[in-house]
Structure formats: structure tokens, C-alpha cells
PDB file of N, CA and C in Angstrom:
ATOM      1  N   MET A   1      99.968  -8.168  60.434  1.00  0.00           N
ATOM      2  CA  MET A   1      99.082  -9.302  60.328  1.00  0.00           C
ATOM      3  C   MET A   1      99.874 -10.609  60.448  1.00  0.00           C
ATOM      4  N   ARG A   2     100.983 -10.553  61.121  1.00  0.00           N
ATOM      5  CA  ARG A   2     101.807 -11.748  61.300  1.00  0.00           C
ATOM      6  C   ARG A   2     101.426 -12.559  62.520  1.00  0.00           C
ATOM      7  N   LYS A   3     100.662 -11.979  63.418  1.00  0.00           N
ATOM      8  CA  LYS A   3     100.320 -12.673  64.654  1.00  0.00           C
ATOM      9  C   LYS A   3      99.239 -13.721  64.415  1.00  0.00           C
ATOM     10  N   GLY A   4      99.368 -14.814  65.153  1.00  0.00           N
ATOM     11  CA  GLY A   4      98.375 -15.876  65.121  1.00  0.00           C
ATOM     12  C   GLY A   4      97.488 -15.792  66.357  1.00  0.00           C
ATOM     13  N   ILE A   5      96.898 -16.910  66.711  1.00  0.00           N
ATOM     14  CA  ILE A   5      95.967 -16.949  67.836  1.00  0.00           C
ATOM     15  C   ILE A   5      96.633 -16.534  69.140  1.00  0.00           C
ATOM     16  N   ALA A   6      97.809 -17.074  69.423  1.00  0.00           N
ATOM     17  CA  ALA A   6      98.487 -16.755  70.690  1.00  0.00           C
ATOM     18  C   ALA A   6      98.839 -15.274  70.774  1.00  0.00           C
ATOM     19  N   GLY A   7      99.378 -14.708  69.699  1.00  0.00           N
ATOM     20  CA  GLY A   7      99.767 -13.303  69.699  1.00  0.00           C
ATOM     21  C   GLY A   7      98.578 -12.360  69.799  1.00  0.00           C
ATOM     22  N   LEU A   8      97.497 -12.681  69.078  1.00  0.00           N
ATOM     23  CA  LEU A   8      96.316 -11.816  69.103  1.00  0.00           C
ATOM     24  C   LEU A   8      95.577 -11.912  70.430  1.00  0.00           C
ATOM     25  N   SER A   9      95.516 -13.104  71.013  1.00  0.00           N
ATOM     26  CA  SER A   9      94.862 -13.208  72.323  1.00  0.00           C
ATOM     27  C   SER A   9      95.682 -12.499  73.391  1.00  0.00           C
ATOM     28  N   ALA A  10      97.009 -12.513  73.252  1.00  0.00           N
ATOM     29  CA  ALA A  10      97.866 -11.753  74.178  1.00  0.00           C
ATOM     30  C   ALA A  10      97.631 -10.255  74.013  1.00  0.00           C
ATOM     31  N   MET A  11      97.453  -9.790  72.775  1.00  0.00           N
ATOM     32  CA  MET A  11      97.162  -8.372  72.544  1.00  0.00           C
ATOM     33  C   MET A  11      95.811  -7.989  73.155  1.00  0.00           C
ATOM     34  N   ALA A  12      94.818  -8.842  73.005  1.00  0.00           N
ATOM     35  CA  ALA A  12      93.505  -8.557  73.587  1.00  0.00           C
ATOM     36  C   ALA A  12      93.613  -8.415  75.100  1.00  0.00           C
ATOM     37  N   GLN A  13      94.437  -9.260  75.695  1.00  0.00           N
ATOM     38  CA  GLN A  13      94.581  -9.233  77.148  1.00  0.00           C
ATOM     39  C   GLN A  13      95.471  -8.089  77.622  1.00  0.00           C
ATOM     40  N   ASP A  14      96.637  -7.938  77.013  1.00  0.00           N
ATOM     41  CA  ASP A  14      97.624  -6.977  77.508  1.00  0.00           C
ATOM     42  C   ASP A  14      97.387  -5.548  77.025  1.00  0.00           C
ATOM     43  N   VAL A  15      97.062  -5.381  75.761  1.00  0.00           N
ATOM     44  CA  VAL A  15      96.906  -4.044  75.189  1.00  0.00           C
ATOM     45  C   VAL A  15      95.492  -3.498  75.402  1.00  0.00           C
ATOM     46  N   LEU A  16      94.496  -4.354  75.169  1.00  0.00           N
ATOM     47  CA  LEU A  16      93.103  -3.909  75.270  1.00  0.00           C
ATOM     48  C   LEU A  16      92.508  -4.130  76.657  1.00  0.00           C
ATOM     49  N   SER A  17      93.226  -4.823  77.520  1.00  0.00           N
ATOM     50  CA  SER A  17      92.765  -5.139  78.883  1.00  0.00           C
ATOM     51  C   SER A  17      91.422  -5.865  78.881  1.00  0.00           C
ATOM     52  N   GLN A  18      91.274  -6.800  77.957  1.00  0.00           N
ATOM     53  CA  GLN A  18      90.059  -7.598  77.830  1.00  0.00           C
ATOM     54  C   GLN A  18      90.406  -9.074  78.039  1.00  0.00           C
ATOM     55  N   LYS A  19      89.420  -9.870  78.404  1.00  0.00           N
ATOM     56  CA  LYS A  19      89.607 -11.311  78.540  1.00  0.00           C
ATOM     57  C   LYS A  19      89.363 -11.960  77.180  1.00  0.00           C
ATOM     58  N   PRO A  20      90.377 -12.573  76.582  1.00  0.00           N
ATOM     59  CA  PRO A  20      90.206 -13.148  75.247  1.00  0.00           C
ATOM     60  C   PRO A  20      89.143 -14.242  75.179  1.00  0.00           C
ATOM     61  N   ALA A  21      88.919 -14.963  76.278  1.00  0.00           N
ATOM     62  CA  ALA A  21      87.940 -16.045  76.282  1.00  0.00           C
ATOM     63  C   ALA A  21      86.585 -15.591  76.827  1.00  0.00           C
ATOM     64  N   SER A  22      86.289 -14.305  76.730  1.00  0.00           N
ATOM     65  CA  SER A  22      85.044 -13.749  77.278  1.00  0.00           C
ATOM     66  C   SER A  22      83.835 -13.989  76.386  1.00  0.00           C
ATOM     67  N   GLY A  23      84.060 -14.402  75.159  1.00  0.00           N
ATOM     68  CA  GLY A  23      82.956 -14.555  74.209  1.00  0.00           C
ATOM     69  C   GLY A  23      82.839 -13.381  73.255  1.00  0.00           C
ATOM     70  N   ALA A  24      83.632 -12.354  73.476  1.00  0.00           N
ATOM     71  CA  ALA A  24      83.642 -11.204  72.569  1.00  0.00           C
ATOM     72  C   ALA A  24      84.414 -11.563  71.298  1.00  0.00           C
ATOM     73  N   VAL A  25      84.115 -10.860  70.230  1.00  0.00           N
ATOM     74  CA  VAL A  25      84.852 -11.006  68.983  1.00  0.00           C
ATOM     75  C   VAL A  25      85.848  -9.860  68.910  1.00  0.00           C
ATOM     76  N   PHE A  26      87.112 -10.181  68.720  1.00  0.00           N
ATOM     77  CA  PHE A  26      88.168  -9.170  68.629  1.00  0.00           C
ATOM     78  C   PHE A  26      88.583  -9.029  67.172  1.00  0.00           C
ATOM     79  N   ALA A  27      88.545  -7.795  66.677  1.00  0.00           N
ATOM     80  CA  ALA A  27      88.887  -7.514  65.280  1.00  0.00           C
ATOM     81  C   ALA A  27      90.229  -6.797  65.224  1.00  0.00           C
ATOM     82  N   PHE A  28      91.070  -7.237  64.303  1.00  0.00           N
ATOM     83  CA  PHE A  28      92.384  -6.638  64.091  1.00  0.00           C
ATOM     84  C   PHE A  28      92.526  -6.361  62.607  1.00  0.00           C
ATOM     85  N   ARG A  29      92.798  -5.102  62.261  1.00  0.00           N
ATOM     86  CA  ARG A  29      92.950  -4.716  60.858  1.00  0.00           C
ATOM     87  C   ARG A  29      94.412  -4.489  60.552  1.00  0.00           C
ATOM     88  N   GLY A  30      94.837  -4.938  59.381  1.00  0.00           N
ATOM     89  CA  GLY A  30      96.212  -4.749  58.959  1.00  0.00           C
ATOM     90  C   GLY A  30      96.494  -3.302  58.620  1.00  0.00           C
ATOM     91  N   ARG A  31      97.680  -2.889  58.921  1.00  0.00           N
ATOM     92  CA  ARG A  31      98.072  -1.505  58.621  1.00  0.00           C
ATOM     93  C   ARG A  31      98.506  -1.339  57.180  1.00  0.00           C
ATOM     94  N   ARG A  32      99.225  -2.311  56.666  1.00  0.00           N
ATOM     95  CA  ARG A  32      99.762  -2.161  55.312  1.00  0.00           C
ATOM     96  C   ARG A  32      99.656  -3.494  54.585  1.00  0.00           C
ATOM     97  N   GLY A  33      99.094  -3.454  53.400  1.00  0.00           N
ATOM     98  CA  GLY A  33      98.974  -4.658  52.584  1.00  0.00           C
ATOM     99  C   GLY A  33     100.256  -4.949  51.840  1.00  0.00           C
ATOM    100  N   ARG A  34     100.218  -5.992  51.038  1.00  0.00           N
ATOM    101  CA  ARG A  34     101.404  -6.444  50.319  1.00  0.00           C
ATOM    102  C   ARG A  34     101.943  -5.393  49.358  1.00  0.00           C
ATOM    103  N   ARG A  35     101.057  -4.693  48.671  1.00  0.00           N
ATOM    104  CA  ARG A  35     101.490  -3.692  47.681  1.00  0.00           C
ATOM    105  C   ARG A  35     101.306  -2.278  48.185  1.00  0.00           C
ATOM    106  N   GLY A  36     101.450  -2.094  49.485  1.00  0.00           N
ATOM    107  CA  GLY A  36     101.334  -0.756  50.037  1.00  0.00           C
ATOM    108  C   GLY A  36      99.915  -0.348  50.361  1.00  0.00           C
ATOM    109  N   ARG A  37      98.933  -1.210  50.034  1.00  0.00           N
ATOM    110  CA  ARG A  37      97.543  -0.887  50.370  1.00  0.00           C
ATOM    111  C   ARG A  37      97.391  -0.949  51.879  1.00  0.00           C
ATOM    112  N   ARG A  38      96.581  -0.082  52.393  1.00  0.00           N
ATOM    113  CA  ARG A  38      96.395  -0.043  53.839  1.00  0.00           C
ATOM    114  C   ARG A  38      94.978  -0.454  54.195  1.00  0.00           C
ATOM    115  N   GLY A  39      94.885  -1.287  55.240  1.00  0.00           N
ATOM    116  CA  GLY A  39      93.573  -1.642  55.757  1.00  0.00           C
ATOM    117  C   GLY A  39      92.798  -2.645  54.941  1.00  0.00           C
ATOM    118  N   ASP A  40      93.457  -3.440  54.086  1.00  0.00           N
ATOM    119  CA  ASP A  40      92.730  -4.398  53.263  1.00  0.00           C
ATOM    120  C   ASP A  40      92.693  -5.797  53.869  1.00  0.00           C
ATOM    121  N   ARG A  41      93.244  -5.969  55.082  1.00  0.00           N
ATOM    122  CA  ARG A  41      93.275  -7.278  55.739  1.00  0.00           C
ATOM    123  C   ARG A  41      92.643  -7.184  57.119  1.00  0.00           C
ATOM    124  N   LEU A  42      91.885  -8.212  57.472  1.00  0.00           N
ATOM    125  CA  LEU A  42      91.175  -8.220  58.739  1.00  0.00           C
ATOM    126  C   LEU A  42      91.232  -9.612  59.347  1.00  0.00           C
ATOM    127  N   LYS A  43      91.485  -9.666  60.654  1.00  0.00           N
ATOM    128  CA  LYS A  43      91.433 -10.920  61.401  1.00  0.00           C
ATOM    129  C   LYS A  43      90.428 -10.763  62.531  1.00  0.00           C
ATOM    130  N   LEU A  44      89.600 -11.782  62.718  1.00  0.00           N
ATOM    131  CA  LEU A  44      88.658 -11.828  63.822  1.00  0.00           C
ATOM    132  C   LEU A  44      89.035 -13.001  64.717  1.00  0.00           C
ATOM    133  N   LEU A  45      89.123 -12.745  66.009  1.00  0.00           N
ATOM    134  CA  LEU A  45      89.463 -13.772  66.996  1.00  0.00           C
ATOM    135  C   LEU A  45      88.266 -13.969  67.908  1.00  0.00           C
ATOM    136  N   TYR A  46      87.889 -15.236  68.098  1.00  0.00           N
ATOM    137  CA  TYR A  46      86.686 -15.540  68.877  1.00  0.00           C
ATOM    138  C   TYR A  46      86.882 -16.836  69.650  1.00  0.00           C
ATOM    139  N   TRP A  47      86.538 -16.832  70.924  1.00  0.00           N
ATOM    140  CA  TRP A  47      86.554 -18.036  71.745  1.00  0.00           C
ATOM    141  C   TRP A  47      85.182 -18.684  71.631  1.00  0.00           C
ATOM    142  N   GLU A  48      85.114 -19.920  71.125  1.00  0.00           N
ATOM    143  CA  GLU A  48      83.816 -20.552  70.902  1.00  0.00           C
ATOM    144  C   GLU A  48      83.453 -21.573  71.976  1.00  0.00           C
ATOM    145  N   GLY A  49      84.187 -21.613  73.057  1.00  0.00           N
ATOM    146  CA  GLY A  49      83.850 -22.493  74.166  1.00  0.00           C
ATOM    147  C   GLY A  49      84.847 -23.613  74.373  1.00  0.00           C
ATOM    148  N   GLN A  50      85.397 -24.145  73.281  1.00  0.00           N
ATOM    149  CA  GLN A  50      86.396 -25.208  73.375  1.00  0.00           C
ATOM    150  C   GLN A  50      87.761 -24.763  72.882  1.00  0.00           C
ATOM    151  N   GLY A  51      87.799 -23.664  72.180  1.00  0.00           N
ATOM    152  CA  GLY A  51      89.047 -23.158  71.637  1.00  0.00           C
ATOM    153  C   GLY A  51      88.803 -21.878  70.862  1.00  0.00           C
ATOM    154  N   PHE A  52      89.887 -21.292  70.378  1.00  0.00           N
ATOM    155  CA  PHE A  52      89.795 -20.053  69.616  1.00  0.00           C
ATOM    156  C   PHE A  52      89.552 -20.343  68.144  1.00  0.00           C
ATOM    157  N   CYS A  53      88.778 -19.476  67.511  1.00  0.00           N
ATOM    158  CA  CYS A  53      88.597 -19.464  66.059  1.00  0.00           C
ATOM    159  C   CYS A  53      89.261 -18.196  65.550  1.00  0.00           C
ATOM    160  N   LEU A  54      90.004 -18.316  64.476  1.00  0.00           N
ATOM    161  CA  LEU A  54      90.651 -17.161  63.859  1.00  0.00           C
ATOM    162  C   LEU A  54      90.193 -17.088  62.412  1.00  0.00           C
ATOM    163  N   TYR A  55      89.524 -15.989  62.066  1.00  0.00           N
ATOM    164  CA  TYR A  55      89.047 -15.765  60.709  1.00  0.00           C
ATOM    165  C   TYR A  55      89.925 -14.687  60.078  1.00  0.00           C
ATOM    166  N   TYR A  56      90.273 -14.883  58.812  1.00  0.00           N
ATOM    167  CA  TYR A  56      91.168 -13.966  58.110  1.00  0.00           C
ATOM    168  C   TYR A  56      90.573 -13.659  56.746  1.00  0.00           C
ATOM    169  N   LYS A  57      90.520 -12.373  56.417  1.00  0.00           N
ATOM    170  CA  LYS A  57      89.953 -11.972  55.132  1.00  0.00           C
ATOM    171  C   LYS A  57      90.800 -10.875  54.524  1.00  0.00           C
ATOM    172  N   VAL A  58      91.013 -10.968  53.207  1.00  0.00           N
ATOM    173  CA  VAL A  58      91.745  -9.955  52.445  1.00  0.00           C
ATOM    174  C   VAL A  58      90.812  -9.449  51.354  1.00  0.00           C
ATOM    175  N   LEU A  59      90.595  -8.134  51.320  1.00  0.00           N
ATOM    176  CA  LEU A  59      89.753  -7.548  50.273  1.00  0.00           C
ATOM    177  C   LEU A  59      90.552  -7.402  48.985  1.00  0.00           C
ATOM    178  N   GLU A  60      89.928  -7.737  47.882  1.00  0.00           N
ATOM    179  CA  GLU A  60      90.566  -7.544  46.577  1.00  0.00           C
ATOM    180  C   GLU A  60      90.631  -6.066  46.213  1.00  0.00           C
ATOM    181  N   ARG A  61      89.566  -5.319  46.568  1.00  0.00           N
ATOM    182  CA  ARG A  61      89.523  -3.880  46.295  1.00  0.00           C
ATOM    183  C   ARG A  61      89.034  -3.181  47.553  1.00  0.00           C
ATOM    184  N   GLY A  62      89.541  -1.989  47.775  1.00  0.00           N
ATOM    185  CA  GLY A  62      89.087  -1.182  48.898  1.00  0.00           C
ATOM    186  C   GLY A  62      89.750  -1.565  50.206  1.00  0.00           C
ATOM    187  N   ARG A  63      89.191  -1.028  51.271  1.00  0.00           N
ATOM    188  CA  ARG A  63      89.738  -1.279  52.587  1.00  0.00           C
ATOM    189  C   ARG A  63      88.605  -1.443  53.588  1.00  0.00           C
ATOM    190  N   PHE A  64      88.916  -2.078  54.684  1.00  0.00           N
ATOM    191  CA  PHE A  64      87.919  -2.260  55.725  1.00  0.00           C
ATOM    192  C   PHE A  64      87.706  -0.949  56.461  1.00  0.00           C
ATOM    193  N   PRO A  65      86.448  -0.575  56.731  1.00  0.00           N
ATOM    194  CA  PRO A  65      86.209   0.618  57.545  1.00  0.00           C
ATOM    195  C   PRO A  65      86.700   0.342  58.958  1.00  0.00           C
ATOM    196  N   TRP A  66      87.105   1.379  59.645  1.00  0.00           N
ATOM    197  CA  TRP A  66      87.601   1.172  61.003  1.00  0.00           C
ATOM    198  C   TRP A  66      86.979   2.189  61.933  1.00  0.00           C
ATOM    199  N   PRO A  67      86.351   1.732  63.000  1.00  0.00           N
ATOM    200  CA  PRO A  67      85.670   2.654  63.923  1.00  0.00           C
ATOM    201  C   PRO A  67      86.661   3.447  64.752  1.00  0.00           C
ATOM    202  N   ALA A  68      86.219   4.606  65.218  1.00  0.00           N
ATOM    203  CA  ALA A  68      87.024   5.400  66.146  1.00  0.00           C
ATOM    204  C   ALA A  68      87.025   4.682  67.490  1.00  0.00           C
ATOM    205  N   ALA A  69      88.197   4.538  68.072  1.00  0.00           N
ATOM    206  CA  ALA A  69      88.313   3.797  69.327  1.00  0.00           C
ATOM    207  C   ALA A  69      88.491   4.749  70.500  1.00  0.00           C
ATOM    208  N   GLU A  70      87.746   4.482  71.555  1.00  0.00           N
ATOM    209  CA  GLU A  70      87.900   5.238  72.794  1.00  0.00           C
ATOM    210  C   GLU A  70      88.687   4.373  73.756  1.00  0.00           C
ATOM    211  N   ALA A  71      89.823   4.870  74.230  1.00  0.00           N
ATOM    212  CA  ALA A  71      90.705   4.120  75.136  1.00  0.00           C
ATOM    213  C   ALA A  71      91.173   2.825  74.477  1.00  0.00           C
ATOM    214  N   GLY A  72      91.347   2.844  73.158  1.00  0.00           N
ATOM    215  CA  GLY A  72      91.856   1.687  72.448  1.00  0.00           C
ATOM    216  C   GLY A  72      90.817   0.628  72.124  1.00  0.00           C
ATOM    217  N   VAL A  73      89.582   0.809  72.566  1.00  0.00           N
ATOM    218  CA  VAL A  73      88.541  -0.199  72.375  1.00  0.00           C
ATOM    219  C   VAL A  73      87.349   0.424  71.655  1.00  0.00           C
ATOM    220  N   ALA A  74      86.848  -0.263  70.650  1.00  0.00           N
ATOM    221  CA  ALA A  74      85.622   0.146  69.966  1.00  0.00           C
ATOM    222  C   ALA A  74      84.609  -0.972  70.128  1.00  0.00           C
ATOM    223  N   ARG A  75      83.413  -0.625  70.492  1.00  0.00           N
ATOM    224  CA  ARG A  75      82.353  -1.624  70.661  1.00  0.00           C
ATOM    225  C   ARG A  75      81.399  -1.521  69.478  1.00  0.00           C
ATOM    226  N   LEU A  76      81.159  -2.647  68.827  1.00  0.00           N
ATOM    227  CA  LEU A  76      80.301  -2.686  67.650  1.00  0.00           C
ATOM    228  C   LEU A  76      79.092  -3.567  67.927  1.00  0.00           C
ATOM    229  N   THR A  77      77.982  -3.232  67.305  1.00  0.00           N
ATOM    230  CA  THR A  77      76.819  -4.115  67.355  1.00  0.00           C
ATOM    231  C   THR A  77      77.086  -5.303  66.431  1.00  0.00           C
ATOM    232  N   SER A  78      76.258  -6.323  66.527  1.00  0.00           N
ATOM    233  CA  SER A  78      76.439  -7.480  65.644  1.00  0.00           C
ATOM    234  C   SER A  78      76.228  -7.084  64.182  1.00  0.00           C
ATOM    235  N   ALA A  79      75.328  -6.145  63.927  1.00  0.00           N
ATOM    236  CA  ALA A  79      75.106  -5.672  62.557  1.00  0.00           C
ATOM    237  C   ALA A  79      76.336  -4.923  62.035  1.00  0.00           C
ATOM    238  N   GLN A  80      76.922  -4.075  62.873  1.00  0.00           N
ATOM    239  CA  GLN A  80      78.135  -3.354  62.467  1.00  0.00           C
ATOM    240  C   GLN A  80      79.286  -4.321  62.221  1.00  0.00           C
ATOM    241  N   MET A  81      79.408  -5.356  63.061  1.00  0.00           N
ATOM    242  CA  MET A  81      80.475  -6.346  62.874  1.00  0.00           C
ATOM    243  C   MET A  81      80.279  -7.102  61.564  1.00  0.00           C
ATOM    244  N   ALA A  82      79.027  -7.433  61.237  1.00  0.00           N
ATOM    245  CA  ALA A  82      78.747  -8.113  59.974  1.00  0.00           C
ATOM    246  C   ALA A  82      79.118  -7.225  58.787  1.00  0.00           C
ATOM    247  N   MET A  83      78.781  -5.941  58.880  1.00  0.00           N
ATOM    248  CA  MET A  83      79.134  -5.016  57.791  1.00  0.00           C
ATOM    249  C   MET A  83      80.640  -4.821  57.704  1.00  0.00           C
ATOM    250  N   LEU A  84      81.324  -4.762  58.853  1.00  0.00           N
ATOM    251  CA  LEU A  84      82.788  -4.654  58.853  1.00  0.00           C
ATOM    252  C   LEU A  84      83.388  -5.833  58.107  1.00  0.00           C
ATOM    253  N   TRP A  85      82.936  -7.050  58.412  1.00  0.00           N
ATOM    254  CA  TRP A  85      83.466  -8.256  57.781  1.00  0.00           C
ATOM    255  C   TRP A  85      83.226  -8.240  56.269  1.00  0.00           C
ATOM    256  N   GLU A  86      82.120  -7.630  55.839  1.00  0.00           N
ATOM    257  CA  GLU A  86      81.817  -7.543  54.407  1.00  0.00           C
ATOM    258  C   GLU A  86      82.499  -6.356  53.727  1.00  0.00           C
ATOM    259  N   GLY A  87      83.155  -5.508  54.508  1.00  0.00           N
ATOM    260  CA  GLY A  87      83.829  -4.348  53.935  1.00  0.00           C
ATOM    261  C   GLY A  87      82.906  -3.180  53.681  1.00  0.00           C
ATOM    262  N   ILE A  88      81.725  -3.186  54.295  1.00  0.00           N
ATOM    263  CA  ILE A  88      80.735  -2.123  54.115  1.00  0.00           C
ATOM    264  C   ILE A  88      80.930  -1.079  55.213  1.00  0.00           C
ATOM    265  N   ASP A  89      81.004   0.165  54.838  1.00  0.00           N
ATOM    266  CA  ASP A  89      81.182   1.236  55.816  1.00  0.00           C
ATOM    267  C   ASP A  89      79.810   1.658  56.343  1.00  0.00           C
ATOM    268  N   TRP A  90      79.464   1.208  57.528  1.00  0.00           N
ATOM    269  CA  TRP A  90      78.168   1.518  58.133  1.00  0.00           C
ATOM    270  C   TRP A  90      78.068   2.979  58.561  1.00  0.00           C
ATOM    271  N   ARG A  91      79.182   3.691  58.643  1.00  0.00           N
ATOM    272  CA  ARG A  91      79.156   5.095  59.057  1.00  0.00           C
ATOM    273  C   ARG A  91      78.666   5.999  57.947  1.00  0.00           C
ATOM    274  N   ARG A  92      78.857   5.613  56.692  1.00  0.00           N
ATOM    275  CA  ARG A  92      78.423   6.402  55.538  1.00  0.00           C
ATOM    276  C   ARG A  92      77.690   5.500  54.548  1.00  0.00           C
ATOM    277  N   PRO A  93      76.502   5.030  54.900  1.00  0.00           N
ATOM    278  CA  PRO A  93      75.799   4.126  53.971  1.00  0.00           C
ATOM    279  C   PRO A  93      75.335   4.888  52.743  1.00  0.00           C
ATOM    280  N   ASP A  94      75.338   4.193  51.626  1.00  0.00           N
ATOM    281  CA  ASP A  94      74.851   4.764  50.379  1.00  0.00           C
ATOM    282  C   ASP A  94      73.432   4.224  50.170  1.00  0.00           C
ATOM    283  N   TRP A  95      72.454   5.014  50.543  1.00  0.00           N
ATOM    284  CA  TRP A  95      71.068   4.568  50.471  1.00  0.00           C
ATOM    285  C   TRP A  95      70.490   4.759  49.075  1.00  0.00           C
ATOM    286  N   GLY A  96      71.228   5.368  48.197  1.00  0.00           N
ATOM    287  CA  GLY A  96      70.711   5.595  46.850  1.00  0.00           C
ATOM    288  C   GLY A  96      69.876   6.862  46.801  1.00  0.00           C
ATOM    289  N   ALA A  97      69.477   7.224  45.628  1.00  0.00           N
ATOM    290  CA  ALA A  97      68.677   8.440  45.455  1.00  0.00           C
ATOM    291  C   ALA A  97      67.212   8.160  45.751  1.00  0.00           C
ATOM    292  N   PRO A  98      66.505   9.115  46.340  1.00  0.00           N
ATOM    293  CA  PRO A  98      65.067   8.924  46.562  1.00  0.00           C
ATOM    294  C   PRO A  98      64.337   8.960  45.227  1.00  0.00           C
ATOM    295  N   PRO A  99      63.147   8.407  45.177  1.00  0.00           N
ATOM    296  CA  PRO A  99      62.421   8.428  43.913  1.00  0.00           C
ATOM    297  C   PRO A  99      62.115   9.865  43.494  1.00  0.00           C
ATOM    298  N   ALA A 100      62.177  10.110  42.188  1.00  0.00           N
ATOM    299  CA  ALA A 100      61.914  11.436  41.662  1.00  0.00           C
ATOM    300  C   ALA A 100      60.438  11.790  41.774  1.00  0.00           C
ATOM    301  N   ARG A 101      59.602  10.787  41.664  1.00  0.00           N
ATOM    302  CA  ARG A 101      58.164  11.027  41.709  1.00  0.00           C
ATOM    303  C   ARG A 101      57.463   9.847  42.378  1.00  0.00           C
ATOM    304  N   VAL A 102      56.511  10.152  43.192  1.00  0.00           N
ATOM    305  CA  VAL A 102      55.757   9.091  43.885  1.00  0.00           C
ATOM    306  C   VAL A 102      54.325   9.140  43.416  1.00  0.00           C
ATOM    307  N   GLY A 103      53.747   7.967  43.132  1.00  0.00           N
ATOM    308  CA  GLY A 103      52.317   7.910  42.799  1.00  0.00           C
ATOM    309  C   GLY A 103      51.950   7.983  41.406  1.00  0.00           C
TER     310      GLY A 103
END
């Protein structure tokens, strides 16, 4: 998680073979946190028309879910991206128990 805007946009272009200024949101998750925690840091890179925006978030507890990538790229819906940013695992939602009795 040491890379800034220039490094992450270069990764999007060179490693992911994507155009960093395409309007897509690129997500990068940290491999190892400060105390050995894994996956608790996330950076989002986005071109907003005049320049890049870089968002950075560190979870106090838990880790960010990470989608399975095909050819190094995972495509998420806007709802999945919102849940990723909140640290919610959309792959295994906890819907709670159904009501014991209806009516």
C-alpha cells in the first residue's frame, strides 16, 4: 500500500491492461497490515475528468472481501463496489433468521 496515484495508475495500465482514465474505479487491497493483519487496507483510484481521486480506507476490525479475479481483473457492480468499500462481503450475506411464525 505504498503506491500513490502515479504507481497505481501505472499498475492499472501495465499489469491490468486497462486505461486508468477510462472512468472505471480501480480497487487495490493491501496484502499485509501493520500488525500482520491481511486485507484490512483498501485504495480506490478513479479518474473524475480533471484528475485522479485516490480514496484510502483502513478497517479497524476484519478485512475487506476480495473477489475472484479472472485474468487478473474482477468486474464489480456499483452495489458490490459500495459493499466492498464498507467491508461487507456480498458473496456471503447474512440475511438473518426467517421468522419462526407468520400471521
